[in-house]
Amino acid sequence: MAEQQHDVQTANIPGGDAAKTEQQYNLHTANIPSEDAVKAERERLSYQKRYRQTLRTTIYALVIVAAVAVLLATLFLPVLQVSGTSMEPTLSDGDIILLVKTRKFETGDLIGFYYQNKLLLKRVIGGPGDYIDIDDDGNVTVNGEPIDEPYVTEKSLGETDLTYPYQVPENRYFVMGDNRATSIDSRSSAIGCIEVDQIVGKVILRVWPLRQISLIN
């Protein structure tokens, strides 16, 4: 009877101690990665490090470029959006334009200037000391000479309360919008001639809409 009990107790131990030791060994060694896996993991970590470094360098570069662009725009090349229709057909409402800061202006130049905390766009017609004359049909002469205005599609005397010929005061410019019938400009004493210190710069380029990118004359 004792021998039978001994058989029952040992029947549930498959393989004995040797099998148990082999199982423990397999458990300890199953998770050890191969040499190729270790190499691949090292390459992955190295790539992540290079990626983070490249990303940081790119971000720093973009920040510097943006700062330089803002500085250039503020100091030398202001970017403005057109509001209103006084410069049609040359410029339309919503156009985005680029100006260059300068102190030299000639008849026909398109400029931006501050007036009552607003930025207006008009065309230079005459400078300091020039005599401006406009007849009832809207034909303009400067110092007795008719000026060529291909940018104007419909001439008009427009809204004016000046007596012509009108002499431009010193250090000022006489300006008019290209849409002569609707533009309020130096023809009205409400705006008058523009002081040099009011002028932001000369319009040189339309940058938006993309299909209409062009130099401005």
N, C-alpha and C. Protein backbone atom coordinates (compact mmCIF):
# COMPACT_ATOMS: atom_id res chain seq x y z
N MET A 1 0.85 -1.21 0.00
CA MET A 1 0.00 0.00 0.00
C MET A 1 0.87 1.24 0.00
N ALA A 2 1.95 1.21 0.74
CA ALA A 2 2.89 2.35 0.80
C ALA A 2 3.56 2.57 -0.53
N GLU A 3 3.88 1.47 -1.19
CA GLU A 3 4.52 1.59 -2.51
C GLU A 3 3.58 2.23 -3.51
N GLN A 4 2.31 1.98 -3.42
CA GLN A 4 1.33 2.56 -4.34
C GLN A 4 1.22 4.05 -4.12
N GLN A 5 1.27 4.50 -2.86
CA GLN A 5 1.19 5.92 -2.56
C GLN A 5 2.42 6.64 -3.10
N HIS A 6 3.55 6.01 -3.01
CA HIS A 6 4.79 6.61 -3.52
C HIS A 6 4.69 6.83 -5.03
N ASP A 7 4.09 5.88 -5.70
CA ASP A 7 3.93 6.04 -7.14
C ASP A 7 3.03 7.20 -7.49
N VAL A 8 1.97 7.42 -6.72
CA VAL A 8 1.04 8.53 -6.98
C VAL A 8 1.73 9.87 -6.79
N GLN A 9 2.55 9.99 -5.73
CA GLN A 9 3.20 11.26 -5.42
C GLN A 9 4.21 11.67 -6.48
N THR A 10 4.86 10.72 -7.10
CA THR A 10 5.89 11.07 -8.09
C THR A 10 5.36 11.09 -9.50
N ALA A 11 4.13 10.71 -9.70
CA ALA A 11 3.59 10.64 -11.06
C ALA A 11 3.36 12.03 -11.66
N ASN A 12 3.16 13.08 -10.82
CA ASN A 12 2.86 14.43 -11.34
C ASN A 12 4.09 15.30 -11.58
N ILE A 13 5.28 14.75 -11.47
CA ILE A 13 6.51 15.53 -11.68
C ILE A 13 7.15 15.08 -12.98
N PRO A 14 6.78 15.69 -14.12
CA PRO A 14 7.30 15.24 -15.40
C PRO A 14 8.76 15.60 -15.54
N GLY A 15 9.59 14.57 -15.82
CA GLY A 15 10.99 14.84 -16.08
C GLY A 15 11.83 14.99 -14.85
N GLY A 16 11.26 15.15 -13.73
CA GLY A 16 12.03 15.27 -12.50
C GLY A 16 12.73 16.61 -12.42
N ASP A 17 13.82 16.70 -11.61
CA ASP A 17 14.57 17.94 -11.39
C ASP A 17 15.25 18.44 -12.64
N ALA A 18 15.65 17.55 -13.48
CA ALA A 18 16.34 17.95 -14.72
C ALA A 18 15.42 18.76 -15.62
N ALA A 19 14.17 18.32 -15.77
CA ALA A 19 13.21 19.06 -16.61
C ALA A 19 12.89 20.41 -16.03
N LYS A 20 12.78 20.46 -14.69
CA LYS A 20 12.48 21.74 -14.03
C LYS A 20 13.61 22.73 -14.24
N THR A 21 14.84 22.28 -14.13
CA THR A 21 16.00 23.17 -14.34
C THR A 21 16.03 23.70 -15.77
N GLU A 22 15.70 22.82 -16.73
CA GLU A 22 15.69 23.25 -18.14
C GLU A 22 14.62 24.31 -18.39
N GLN A 23 13.46 24.17 -17.77
CA GLN A 23 12.39 25.15 -17.93
C GLN A 23 12.80 26.50 -17.37
N GLN A 24 13.45 26.49 -16.18
CA GLN A 24 13.90 27.75 -15.59
C GLN A 24 14.95 28.42 -16.48
N TYR A 25 15.81 27.66 -17.06
CA TYR A 25 16.83 28.20 -17.95
C TYR A 25 16.19 28.86 -19.16
N ASN A 26 15.18 28.17 -19.70
CA ASN A 26 14.50 28.73 -20.89
C ASN A 26 13.79 30.04 -20.56
N LEU A 27 13.23 30.12 -19.35
CA LEU A 27 12.55 31.35 -18.96
C LEU A 27 13.52 32.50 -18.84
N HIS A 28 14.71 32.24 -18.32
CA HIS A 28 15.71 33.29 -18.13
C HIS A 28 16.32 33.75 -19.44
N THR A 29 16.42 32.85 -20.41
CA THR A 29 17.11 33.20 -21.66
C THR A 29 16.17 33.61 -22.78
N ALA A 30 14.86 33.50 -22.64
CA ALA A 30 13.93 33.76 -23.74
C ALA A 30 13.90 35.24 -24.15
N ASN A 31 14.09 36.19 -23.22
CA ASN A 31 13.96 37.62 -23.51
C ASN A 31 15.27 38.31 -23.87
N ILE A 32 16.35 37.60 -23.99
CA ILE A 32 17.63 38.21 -24.36
C ILE A 32 17.63 38.52 -25.85
N PRO A 33 17.71 39.85 -26.26
CA PRO A 33 17.64 40.20 -27.69
C PRO A 33 18.88 39.74 -28.43
N SER A 34 18.70 39.53 -29.70
CA SER A 34 19.81 39.13 -30.54
C SER A 34 20.72 40.31 -30.82
N GLU A 35 21.87 40.02 -31.40
CA GLU A 35 22.83 41.09 -31.74
C GLU A 35 22.24 42.04 -32.77
N ASP A 36 21.50 41.51 -33.73
CA ASP A 36 20.87 42.36 -34.76
C ASP A 36 19.82 43.28 -34.15
N ALA A 37 19.07 42.75 -33.16
CA ALA A 37 18.04 43.57 -32.51
C ALA A 37 18.67 44.71 -31.71
N VAL A 38 19.78 44.42 -31.04
CA VAL A 38 20.48 45.45 -30.28
C VAL A 38 21.01 46.52 -31.23
N LYS A 39 21.56 46.09 -32.35
CA LYS A 39 22.08 47.05 -33.34
C LYS A 39 20.96 47.93 -33.89
N ALA A 40 19.81 47.30 -34.18
CA ALA A 40 18.67 48.06 -34.71
C ALA A 40 18.16 49.08 -33.69
N GLU A 41 18.13 48.70 -32.41
CA GLU A 41 17.67 49.61 -31.37
C GLU A 41 18.62 50.79 -31.23
N ARG A 42 19.93 50.50 -31.30
CA ARG A 42 20.90 51.59 -31.24
C ARG A 42 20.72 52.56 -32.40
N GLU A 43 20.50 52.03 -33.59
CA GLU A 43 20.28 52.89 -34.76
C GLU A 43 19.01 53.72 -34.60
N ARG A 44 17.96 53.11 -34.02
CA ARG A 44 16.70 53.84 -33.81
C ARG A 44 16.90 55.00 -32.85
N LEU A 45 17.60 54.76 -31.75
CA LEU A 45 17.85 55.81 -30.77
C LEU A 45 18.74 56.91 -31.36
N SER A 46 19.73 56.50 -32.15
CA SER A 46 20.61 57.49 -32.79
C SER A 46 19.82 58.35 -33.77
N TYR A 47 18.89 57.72 -34.52
CA TYR A 47 18.06 58.48 -35.46
C TYR A 47 17.17 59.48 -34.73
N GLN A 48 16.57 59.04 -33.63
CA GLN A 48 15.72 59.94 -32.86
C GLN A 48 16.51 61.14 -32.35
N LYS A 49 17.75 60.89 -31.90
CA LYS A 49 18.58 61.99 -31.41
C LYS A 49 18.90 62.97 -32.53
N ARG A 50 19.28 62.44 -33.72
CA ARG A 50 19.57 63.31 -34.85
C ARG A 50 18.32 64.07 -35.29
N TYR A 51 17.17 63.40 -35.26
CA TYR A 51 15.91 64.05 -35.66
C TYR A 51 15.58 65.22 -34.74
N ARG A 52 15.73 64.99 -33.42
CA ARG A 52 15.45 66.07 -32.47
C ARG A 52 16.40 67.24 -32.66
N GLN A 53 17.68 66.94 -32.91
CA GLN A 53 18.65 68.00 -33.14
C GLN A 53 18.33 68.79 -34.40
N THR A 54 17.96 68.07 -35.47
CA THR A 54 17.59 68.72 -36.73
C THR A 54 16.34 69.57 -36.56
N LEU A 55 15.36 69.05 -35.81
CA LEU A 55 14.12 69.79 -35.57
C LEU A 55 14.40 71.08 -34.81
N ARG A 56 15.23 70.99 -33.75
CA ARG A 56 15.56 72.18 -32.99
C ARG A 56 16.30 73.20 -33.85
N THR A 57 17.24 72.73 -34.67
CA THR A 57 17.99 73.64 -35.55
C THR A 57 17.06 74.32 -36.55
N THR A 58 16.12 73.55 -37.10
CA THR A 58 15.17 74.11 -38.06
C THR A 58 14.28 75.16 -37.42
N ILE A 59 13.80 74.88 -36.22
CA ILE A 59 12.94 75.84 -35.52
C ILE A 59 13.71 77.12 -35.22
N TYR A 60 14.95 76.98 -34.74
CA TYR A 60 15.76 78.16 -34.46
C TYR A 60 15.97 78.98 -35.72
N ALA A 61 16.24 78.29 -36.84
CA ALA A 61 16.47 78.99 -38.10
C ALA A 61 15.22 79.73 -38.55
N LEU A 62 14.05 79.09 -38.40
CA LEU A 62 12.79 79.73 -38.80
C LEU A 62 12.50 80.95 -37.94
N VAL A 63 12.77 80.85 -36.65
CA VAL A 63 12.56 81.98 -35.76
C VAL A 63 13.46 83.15 -36.16
N ILE A 64 14.72 82.85 -36.47
CA ILE A 64 15.65 83.90 -36.87
C ILE A 64 15.21 84.54 -38.19
N VAL A 65 14.82 83.71 -39.16
CA VAL A 65 14.36 84.23 -40.45
C VAL A 65 13.12 85.11 -40.27
N ALA A 66 12.18 84.65 -39.43
CA ALA A 66 10.97 85.44 -39.18
C ALA A 66 11.31 86.77 -38.53
N ALA A 67 12.23 86.75 -37.58
CA ALA A 67 12.62 87.99 -36.91
C ALA A 67 13.28 88.96 -37.89
N VAL A 68 14.15 88.42 -38.75
CA VAL A 68 14.81 89.28 -39.75
C VAL A 68 13.78 89.83 -40.73
N ALA A 69 12.80 88.99 -41.13
CA ALA A 69 11.77 89.44 -42.06
C ALA A 69 10.94 90.57 -41.45
N VAL A 70 10.58 90.41 -40.18
CA VAL A 70 9.81 91.46 -39.51
C VAL A 70 10.63 92.74 -39.41
N LEU A 71 11.91 92.60 -39.11
CA LEU A 71 12.78 93.77 -39.00
C LEU A 71 12.91 94.48 -40.34
N LEU A 72 13.10 93.70 -41.41
CA LEU A 72 13.21 94.30 -42.74
C LEU A 72 11.91 94.98 -43.14
N ALA A 73 10.79 94.30 -42.83
CA ALA A 73 9.48 94.87 -43.18
C ALA A 73 9.23 96.17 -42.43
N THR A 74 9.67 96.22 -41.19
CA THR A 74 9.46 97.42 -40.39
C THR A 74 10.36 98.57 -40.82
N LEU A 75 11.62 98.25 -41.10
CA LEU A 75 12.59 99.30 -41.36
C LEU A 75 12.70 99.68 -42.83
N PHE A 76 12.56 98.69 -43.74
CA PHE A 76 12.88 98.98 -45.14
C PHE A 76 11.77 98.63 -46.12
N LEU A 77 11.06 97.54 -45.90
CA LEU A 77 10.10 97.06 -46.89
C LEU A 77 8.75 96.76 -46.24
N PRO A 78 7.99 97.79 -45.90
CA PRO A 78 6.68 97.56 -45.29
C PRO A 78 5.74 96.79 -46.24
N VAL A 79 4.93 95.90 -45.67
CA VAL A 79 3.93 95.15 -46.42
C VAL A 79 2.55 95.63 -45.97
N LEU A 80 1.70 96.02 -46.92
CA LEU A 80 0.41 96.60 -46.58
C LEU A 80 -0.70 95.94 -47.40
N GLN A 81 -1.91 96.00 -46.85
CA GLN A 81 -3.07 95.52 -47.58
C GLN A 81 -3.94 96.71 -47.98
N VAL A 82 -4.33 96.71 -49.25
CA VAL A 82 -5.14 97.80 -49.79
C VAL A 82 -6.56 97.73 -49.24
N SER A 83 -7.09 98.87 -48.86
CA SER A 83 -8.47 98.96 -48.39
C SER A 83 -9.16 100.08 -49.14
N GLY A 84 -10.23 99.77 -49.85
CA GLY A 84 -10.95 100.78 -50.59
C GLY A 84 -10.69 100.70 -52.09
N THR A 85 -11.32 101.62 -52.82
CA THR A 85 -11.29 101.58 -54.29
C THR A 85 -10.69 102.84 -54.92
N SER A 86 -10.07 103.70 -54.12
CA SER A 86 -9.59 104.98 -54.66
C SER A 86 -8.41 104.83 -55.61
N MET A 87 -7.76 103.64 -55.60
CA MET A 87 -6.63 103.44 -56.51
C MET A 87 -6.95 102.51 -57.67
N GLU A 88 -8.23 102.19 -57.87
CA GLU A 88 -8.59 101.38 -59.03
C GLU A 88 -8.40 102.20 -60.31
N PRO A 89 -7.99 101.57 -61.41
CA PRO A 89 -7.82 100.12 -61.61
C PRO A 89 -6.43 99.59 -61.26
N THR A 90 -5.52 100.46 -60.81
CA THR A 90 -4.15 100.01 -60.51
C THR A 90 -4.14 99.01 -59.38
N LEU A 91 -4.82 99.33 -58.29
CA LEU A 91 -4.89 98.45 -57.12
C LEU A 91 -6.35 98.26 -56.72
N SER A 92 -6.65 97.06 -56.25
CA SER A 92 -8.02 96.74 -55.85
C SER A 92 -8.08 96.47 -54.35
N ASP A 93 -9.28 96.57 -53.82
CA ASP A 93 -9.49 96.30 -52.40
C ASP A 93 -9.02 94.88 -52.06
N GLY A 94 -8.18 94.74 -51.04
CA GLY A 94 -7.69 93.44 -50.62
C GLY A 94 -6.33 93.07 -51.18
N ASP A 95 -5.83 93.81 -52.16
CA ASP A 95 -4.48 93.54 -52.68
C ASP A 95 -3.45 93.73 -51.57
N ILE A 96 -2.39 92.94 -51.60
CA ILE A 96 -1.28 93.10 -50.66
C ILE A 96 -0.07 93.60 -51.45
N ILE A 97 0.55 94.68 -50.96
CA ILE A 97 1.60 95.34 -51.71
C ILE A 97 2.86 95.51 -50.86
N LEU A 98 3.95 95.70 -51.53
CA LEU A 98 5.25 95.89 -50.88
C LEU A 98 5.74 97.30 -51.19
N LEU A 99 6.17 98.01 -50.15
CA LEU A 99 6.70 99.36 -50.29
C LEU A 99 8.19 99.36 -50.00
N VAL A 100 8.88 100.34 -50.54
CA VAL A 100 10.27 100.56 -50.20
C VAL A 100 10.39 101.96 -49.61
N LYS A 101 11.11 102.07 -48.50
CA LYS A 101 11.25 103.37 -47.86
C LYS A 101 12.27 104.21 -48.62
N THR A 102 11.87 105.42 -48.94
CA THR A 102 12.72 106.34 -49.67
C THR A 102 12.25 107.76 -49.41
N ARG A 103 13.10 108.72 -49.73
CA ARG A 103 12.75 110.14 -49.59
C ARG A 103 12.72 110.84 -50.95
N LYS A 104 12.87 110.07 -52.01
CA LYS A 104 12.89 110.65 -53.35
C LYS A 104 11.64 110.22 -54.10
N PHE A 105 10.84 111.17 -54.50
CA PHE A 105 9.59 110.88 -55.20
C PHE A 105 9.48 111.73 -56.46
N GLU A 106 8.88 111.13 -57.49
CA GLU A 106 8.67 111.83 -58.75
C GLU A 106 7.21 111.74 -59.13
N THR A 107 6.81 112.60 -60.06
CA THR A 107 5.44 112.56 -60.57
C THR A 107 5.14 111.17 -61.14
N GLY A 108 4.04 110.61 -60.70
CA GLY A 108 3.66 109.27 -61.14
C GLY A 108 3.94 108.18 -60.13
N ASP A 109 4.79 108.46 -59.13
CA ASP A 109 5.08 107.45 -58.10
C ASP A 109 3.85 107.21 -57.23
N LEU A 110 3.64 105.95 -56.90
CA LEU A 110 2.54 105.57 -56.01
C LEU A 110 3.11 105.43 -54.61
N ILE A 111 2.55 106.17 -53.65
CA ILE A 111 3.11 106.20 -52.30
C ILE A 111 2.06 105.85 -51.25
N GLY A 112 2.56 105.45 -50.09
CA GLY A 112 1.71 105.25 -48.93
C GLY A 112 2.07 106.28 -47.86
N PHE A 113 1.08 106.85 -47.20
CA PHE A 113 1.34 107.88 -46.19
C PHE A 113 0.29 107.81 -45.09
N TYR A 114 0.69 108.31 -43.93
CA TYR A 114 -0.22 108.33 -42.78
C TYR A 114 -1.08 109.59 -42.81
N TYR A 115 -2.37 109.37 -42.52
CA TYR A 115 -3.29 110.50 -42.40
C TYR A 115 -4.34 110.13 -41.36
N GLN A 116 -4.35 110.87 -40.24
CA GLN A 116 -5.29 110.63 -39.15
C GLN A 116 -5.30 109.16 -38.72
N ASN A 117 -4.11 108.64 -38.43
CA ASN A 117 -3.92 107.27 -37.97
C ASN A 117 -4.35 106.21 -38.97
N LYS A 118 -4.48 106.60 -40.23
CA LYS A 118 -4.78 105.66 -41.30
C LYS A 118 -3.66 105.72 -42.33
N LEU A 119 -3.49 104.63 -43.06
CA LEU A 119 -2.48 104.59 -44.12
C LEU A 119 -3.20 104.67 -45.46
N LEU A 120 -2.94 105.74 -46.20
CA LEU A 120 -3.58 105.95 -47.49
C LEU A 120 -2.58 105.73 -48.62
N LEU A 121 -3.11 105.36 -49.78
CA LEU A 121 -2.30 105.17 -50.98
C LEU A 121 -2.76 106.14 -52.05
N LYS A 122 -1.84 106.92 -52.59
CA LYS A 122 -2.17 107.89 -53.63
C LYS A 122 -1.00 108.02 -54.60
N ARG A 123 -1.24 108.74 -55.69
CA ARG A 123 -0.24 108.95 -56.72
C ARG A 123 0.37 110.35 -56.59
N VAL A 124 1.69 110.44 -56.66
CA VAL A 124 2.35 111.74 -56.62
C VAL A 124 2.10 112.47 -57.94
N ILE A 125 1.58 113.69 -57.83
CA ILE A 125 1.34 114.51 -59.01
C ILE A 125 2.38 115.63 -59.13
N GLY A 126 2.70 116.24 -58.01
CA GLY A 126 3.69 117.31 -58.01
C GLY A 126 4.39 117.42 -56.68
N GLY A 127 5.61 118.00 -56.71
CA GLY A 127 6.40 118.15 -55.50
C GLY A 127 6.46 119.59 -55.04
N PRO A 128 7.30 119.87 -54.07
CA PRO A 128 7.41 121.22 -53.49
C PRO A 128 7.67 122.29 -54.56
N GLY A 129 6.83 123.35 -54.53
CA GLY A 129 7.01 124.47 -55.45
C GLY A 129 6.35 124.29 -56.80
N ASP A 130 5.88 123.07 -57.14
CA ASP A 130 5.24 122.84 -58.45
C ASP A 130 3.87 123.51 -58.50
N TYR A 131 3.49 123.91 -59.73
CA TYR A 131 2.15 124.47 -59.96
C TYR A 131 1.28 123.39 -60.59
N ILE A 132 0.17 123.11 -59.92
CA ILE A 132 -0.75 122.08 -60.37
C ILE A 132 -2.00 122.73 -60.95
N ASP A 133 -2.43 122.26 -62.13
CA ASP A 133 -3.66 122.77 -62.72
C ASP A 133 -4.49 121.60 -63.21
N ILE A 134 -5.80 121.65 -62.95
CA ILE A 134 -6.73 120.60 -63.38
C ILE A 134 -7.93 121.29 -64.00
N ASP A 135 -8.24 120.95 -65.28
CA ASP A 135 -9.38 121.57 -65.92
C ASP A 135 -10.66 120.81 -65.59
N ASP A 136 -11.78 121.29 -66.12
CA ASP A 136 -13.08 120.70 -65.80
C ASP A 136 -13.21 119.26 -66.29
N ASP A 137 -12.42 118.88 -67.27
CA ASP A 137 -12.46 117.51 -67.78
C ASP A 137 -11.51 116.56 -67.05
N GLY A 138 -10.76 117.11 -66.10
CA GLY A 138 -9.85 116.27 -65.33
C GLY A 138 -8.46 116.16 -65.89
N ASN A 139 -8.12 116.94 -66.93
CA ASN A 139 -6.77 116.92 -67.46
C ASN A 139 -5.84 117.66 -66.51
N VAL A 140 -4.70 117.07 -66.22
CA VAL A 140 -3.77 117.61 -65.22
C VAL A 140 -2.51 118.12 -65.90
N THR A 141 -2.08 119.32 -65.49
CA THR A 141 -0.80 119.86 -65.94
C THR A 141 0.04 120.22 -64.71
N VAL A 142 1.34 120.05 -64.86
CA VAL A 142 2.28 120.40 -63.80
C VAL A 142 3.28 121.38 -64.39
N ASN A 143 3.31 122.58 -63.81
CA ASN A 143 4.17 123.66 -64.31
C ASN A 143 3.90 123.94 -65.78
N GLY A 144 2.62 123.90 -66.14
CA GLY A 144 2.20 124.22 -67.51
C GLY A 144 2.32 123.07 -68.49
N GLU A 145 2.84 121.92 -68.10
CA GLU A 145 3.01 120.78 -68.99
C GLU A 145 2.02 119.66 -68.65
N PRO A 146 1.25 119.20 -69.66
CA PRO A 146 0.35 118.06 -69.40
C PRO A 146 1.15 116.82 -69.01
N ILE A 147 0.67 116.06 -68.06
CA ILE A 147 1.38 114.86 -67.66
C ILE A 147 0.69 113.63 -68.24
N ASP A 148 1.49 112.65 -68.58
CA ASP A 148 0.97 111.39 -69.12
C ASP A 148 0.49 110.52 -67.97
N GLU A 149 -0.77 110.10 -68.03
CA GLU A 149 -1.34 109.30 -66.95
C GLU A 149 -2.00 108.03 -67.49
N PRO A 150 -1.21 107.06 -67.92
CA PRO A 150 -1.79 105.82 -68.44
C PRO A 150 -2.51 105.00 -67.38
N TYR A 151 -2.27 105.29 -66.11
CA TYR A 151 -2.89 104.56 -65.01
C TYR A 151 -4.32 105.02 -64.73
N VAL A 152 -4.74 106.11 -65.35
CA VAL A 152 -6.10 106.62 -65.15
C VAL A 152 -6.97 106.21 -66.33
N THR A 153 -8.10 105.55 -66.03
CA THR A 153 -9.00 105.12 -67.11
C THR A 153 -10.12 106.13 -67.36
N GLU A 154 -10.51 106.86 -66.31
CA GLU A 154 -11.56 107.87 -66.47
C GLU A 154 -11.13 109.14 -65.74
N LYS A 155 -10.88 110.20 -66.49
CA LYS A 155 -10.46 111.46 -65.89
C LYS A 155 -11.66 112.19 -65.31
N SER A 156 -11.42 112.93 -64.25
CA SER A 156 -12.49 113.67 -63.60
C SER A 156 -11.88 114.76 -62.73
N LEU A 157 -12.55 115.90 -62.65
CA LEU A 157 -12.09 116.96 -61.76
C LEU A 157 -12.23 116.51 -60.31
N GLY A 158 -13.25 115.71 -60.03
CA GLY A 158 -13.43 115.15 -58.70
C GLY A 158 -13.80 116.20 -57.66
N GLU A 159 -13.72 115.81 -56.39
CA GLU A 159 -14.06 116.70 -55.29
C GLU A 159 -12.88 117.61 -54.98
N THR A 160 -13.09 118.91 -55.22
CA THR A 160 -12.00 119.86 -54.98
C THR A 160 -12.56 121.20 -54.52
N ASP A 161 -11.80 121.87 -53.65
CA ASP A 161 -12.17 123.21 -53.21
C ASP A 161 -10.98 124.16 -53.33
N LEU A 162 -10.02 123.80 -54.22
CA LEU A 162 -8.84 124.62 -54.43
C LEU A 162 -9.04 125.56 -55.61
N THR A 163 -8.24 126.59 -55.65
CA THR A 163 -8.20 127.49 -56.79
C THR A 163 -6.96 127.15 -57.61
N TYR A 164 -7.16 126.90 -58.91
CA TYR A 164 -6.04 126.50 -59.77
C TYR A 164 -5.63 127.67 -60.68
N PRO A 165 -4.34 127.69 -61.07
CA PRO A 165 -3.24 126.81 -60.67
C PRO A 165 -2.96 126.93 -59.17
N TYR A 166 -2.55 125.80 -58.62
CA TYR A 166 -2.28 125.71 -57.19
C TYR A 166 -0.80 125.37 -57.01
N GLN A 167 -0.12 126.13 -56.16
CA GLN A 167 1.30 125.87 -55.92
C GLN A 167 1.47 124.98 -54.68
N VAL A 168 2.24 123.92 -54.84
CA VAL A 168 2.49 122.99 -53.75
C VAL A 168 3.44 123.64 -52.74
N PRO A 169 3.06 123.65 -51.45
CA PRO A 169 3.93 124.24 -50.43
C PRO A 169 5.27 123.50 -50.31
N GLU A 170 6.22 124.15 -49.69
CA GLU A 170 7.53 123.52 -49.48
C GLU A 170 7.39 122.30 -48.58
N ASN A 171 8.21 121.30 -48.89
CA ASN A 171 8.29 120.08 -48.09
C ASN A 171 7.00 119.26 -48.13
N ARG A 172 6.22 119.45 -49.20
CA ARG A 172 4.97 118.71 -49.33
C ARG A 172 4.81 118.18 -50.75
N TYR A 173 3.87 117.23 -50.90
CA TYR A 173 3.58 116.64 -52.20
C TYR A 173 2.08 116.67 -52.46
N PHE A 174 1.74 116.95 -53.71
CA PHE A 174 0.35 116.95 -54.16
C PHE A 174 0.06 115.55 -54.68
N VAL A 175 -0.95 114.88 -54.11
CA VAL A 175 -1.25 113.49 -54.48
C VAL A 175 -2.70 113.34 -54.90
N MET A 176 -2.94 112.34 -55.76
CA MET A 176 -4.30 112.05 -56.22
C MET A 176 -4.46 110.54 -56.38
N GLY A 177 -5.68 110.07 -56.20
CA GLY A 177 -5.98 108.66 -56.44
C GLY A 177 -6.21 108.42 -57.92
N ASP A 178 -6.01 107.19 -58.38
CA ASP A 178 -6.23 106.87 -59.79
C ASP A 178 -7.70 106.84 -60.16
N ASN A 179 -8.56 106.54 -59.19
CA ASN A 179 -10.00 106.57 -59.42
C ASN A 179 -10.47 108.01 -59.15
N ARG A 180 -10.26 108.86 -60.13
CA ARG A 180 -10.40 110.31 -59.93
C ARG A 180 -11.79 110.76 -59.50
N ALA A 181 -12.81 110.04 -59.89
CA ALA A 181 -14.17 110.48 -59.57
C ALA A 181 -14.51 110.27 -58.10
N THR A 182 -13.90 109.30 -57.45
CA THR A 182 -14.28 108.97 -56.08
C THR A 182 -13.19 109.26 -55.05
N SER A 183 -11.96 109.40 -55.48
CA SER A 183 -10.84 109.59 -54.54
C SER A 183 -10.90 110.96 -53.87
N ILE A 184 -10.71 110.96 -52.56
CA ILE A 184 -10.54 112.20 -51.80
C ILE A 184 -9.05 112.35 -51.53
N ASP A 185 -8.46 113.42 -52.03
CA ASP A 185 -7.00 113.54 -51.98
C ASP A 185 -6.59 115.00 -51.86
N SER A 186 -5.44 115.36 -52.41
CA SER A 186 -4.93 116.73 -52.26
C SER A 186 -5.79 117.77 -52.97
N ARG A 187 -6.72 117.35 -53.82
CA ARG A 187 -7.64 118.29 -54.45
C ARG A 187 -8.60 118.90 -53.42
N SER A 188 -8.74 118.22 -52.27
CA SER A 188 -9.60 118.70 -51.20
C SER A 188 -8.76 119.18 -50.03
N SER A 189 -9.10 120.32 -49.48
CA SER A 189 -8.36 120.85 -48.33
C SER A 189 -8.56 119.97 -47.09
N ALA A 190 -9.52 119.04 -47.15
CA ALA A 190 -9.71 118.11 -46.03
C ALA A 190 -8.48 117.24 -45.84
N ILE A 191 -7.77 116.94 -46.92
CA ILE A 191 -6.52 116.18 -46.85
C ILE A 191 -5.33 117.08 -47.19
N GLY A 192 -5.45 117.82 -48.26
CA GLY A 192 -4.38 118.75 -48.63
C GLY A 192 -3.11 118.04 -49.10
N CYS A 193 -2.05 118.80 -49.20
CA CYS A 193 -0.77 118.24 -49.62
C CYS A 193 -0.13 117.47 -48.46
N ILE A 194 0.66 116.48 -48.81
CA ILE A 194 1.22 115.55 -47.83
C ILE A 194 2.64 115.97 -47.45
N GLU A 195 2.90 116.04 -46.14
CA GLU A 195 4.25 116.33 -45.69
C GLU A 195 5.15 115.13 -45.90
N VAL A 196 6.42 115.40 -46.10
CA VAL A 196 7.40 114.33 -46.32
C VAL A 196 7.41 113.36 -45.15
N ASP A 197 7.30 113.87 -43.95
CA ASP A 197 7.35 113.01 -42.76
C ASP A 197 6.15 112.07 -42.64
N GLN A 198 5.09 112.35 -43.37
CA GLN A 198 3.92 111.48 -43.35
C GLN A 198 4.10 110.25 -44.24
N ILE A 199 5.02 110.32 -45.18
CA ILE A 199 5.16 109.29 -46.21
C ILE A 199 5.91 108.08 -45.67
N VAL A 200 5.30 106.90 -45.86
CA VAL A 200 5.92 105.64 -45.44
C VAL A 200 6.91 105.15 -46.49
N GLY A 201 6.54 105.24 -47.74
CA GLY A 201 7.42 104.78 -48.81
C GLY A 201 6.70 104.69 -50.13
N LYS A 202 7.41 104.16 -51.13
CA LYS A 202 6.88 104.05 -52.49
C LYS A 202 6.47 102.61 -52.77
N VAL A 203 5.31 102.43 -53.37
CA VAL A 203 4.82 101.09 -53.71
C VAL A 203 5.63 100.56 -54.90
N ILE A 204 6.16 99.35 -54.76
CA ILE A 204 6.96 98.78 -55.84
C ILE A 204 6.43 97.45 -56.37
N LEU A 205 5.65 96.73 -55.55
CA LEU A 205 5.27 95.38 -55.96
C LEU A 205 3.95 94.96 -55.35
N ARG A 206 3.11 94.33 -56.18
CA ARG A 206 1.90 93.67 -55.66
C ARG A 206 2.24 92.19 -55.47
N VAL A 207 2.03 91.67 -54.26
CA VAL A 207 2.38 90.28 -53.96
C VAL A 207 1.15 89.39 -53.80
N TRP A 208 -0.03 89.99 -53.76
CA TRP A 208 -1.27 89.21 -53.64
C TRP A 208 -2.41 89.97 -54.29
N PRO A 209 -3.27 89.28 -55.07
CA PRO A 209 -3.37 87.84 -55.32
C PRO A 209 -2.17 87.30 -56.12
N LEU A 210 -1.89 86.01 -55.96
CA LEU A 210 -0.72 85.41 -56.60
C LEU A 210 -0.78 85.55 -58.12
N ARG A 211 -1.97 85.42 -58.68
CA ARG A 211 -2.09 85.47 -60.14
C ARG A 211 -1.83 86.89 -60.67
N GLN A 212 -1.78 87.87 -59.78
CA GLN A 212 -1.58 89.26 -60.21
C GLN A 212 -0.27 89.84 -59.66
N ILE A 213 0.67 89.00 -59.26
CA ILE A 213 1.95 89.51 -58.80
C ILE A 213 2.60 90.33 -59.92
N SER A 214 2.98 91.56 -59.59
CA SER A 214 3.53 92.42 -60.64
C SER A 214 4.17 93.65 -60.02
N LEU A 215 5.08 94.26 -60.75
CA LEU A 215 5.65 95.52 -60.37
C LEU A 215 4.60 96.61 -60.54
N ILE A 216 4.65 97.62 -59.68
CA ILE A 216 3.69 98.72 -59.73
C ILE A 216 4.37 99.95 -60.29
N ASN A 217 3.81 100.49 -61.36
CA ASN A 217 4.34 101.71 -61.97
C ASN A 217 3.40 102.88 -61.73
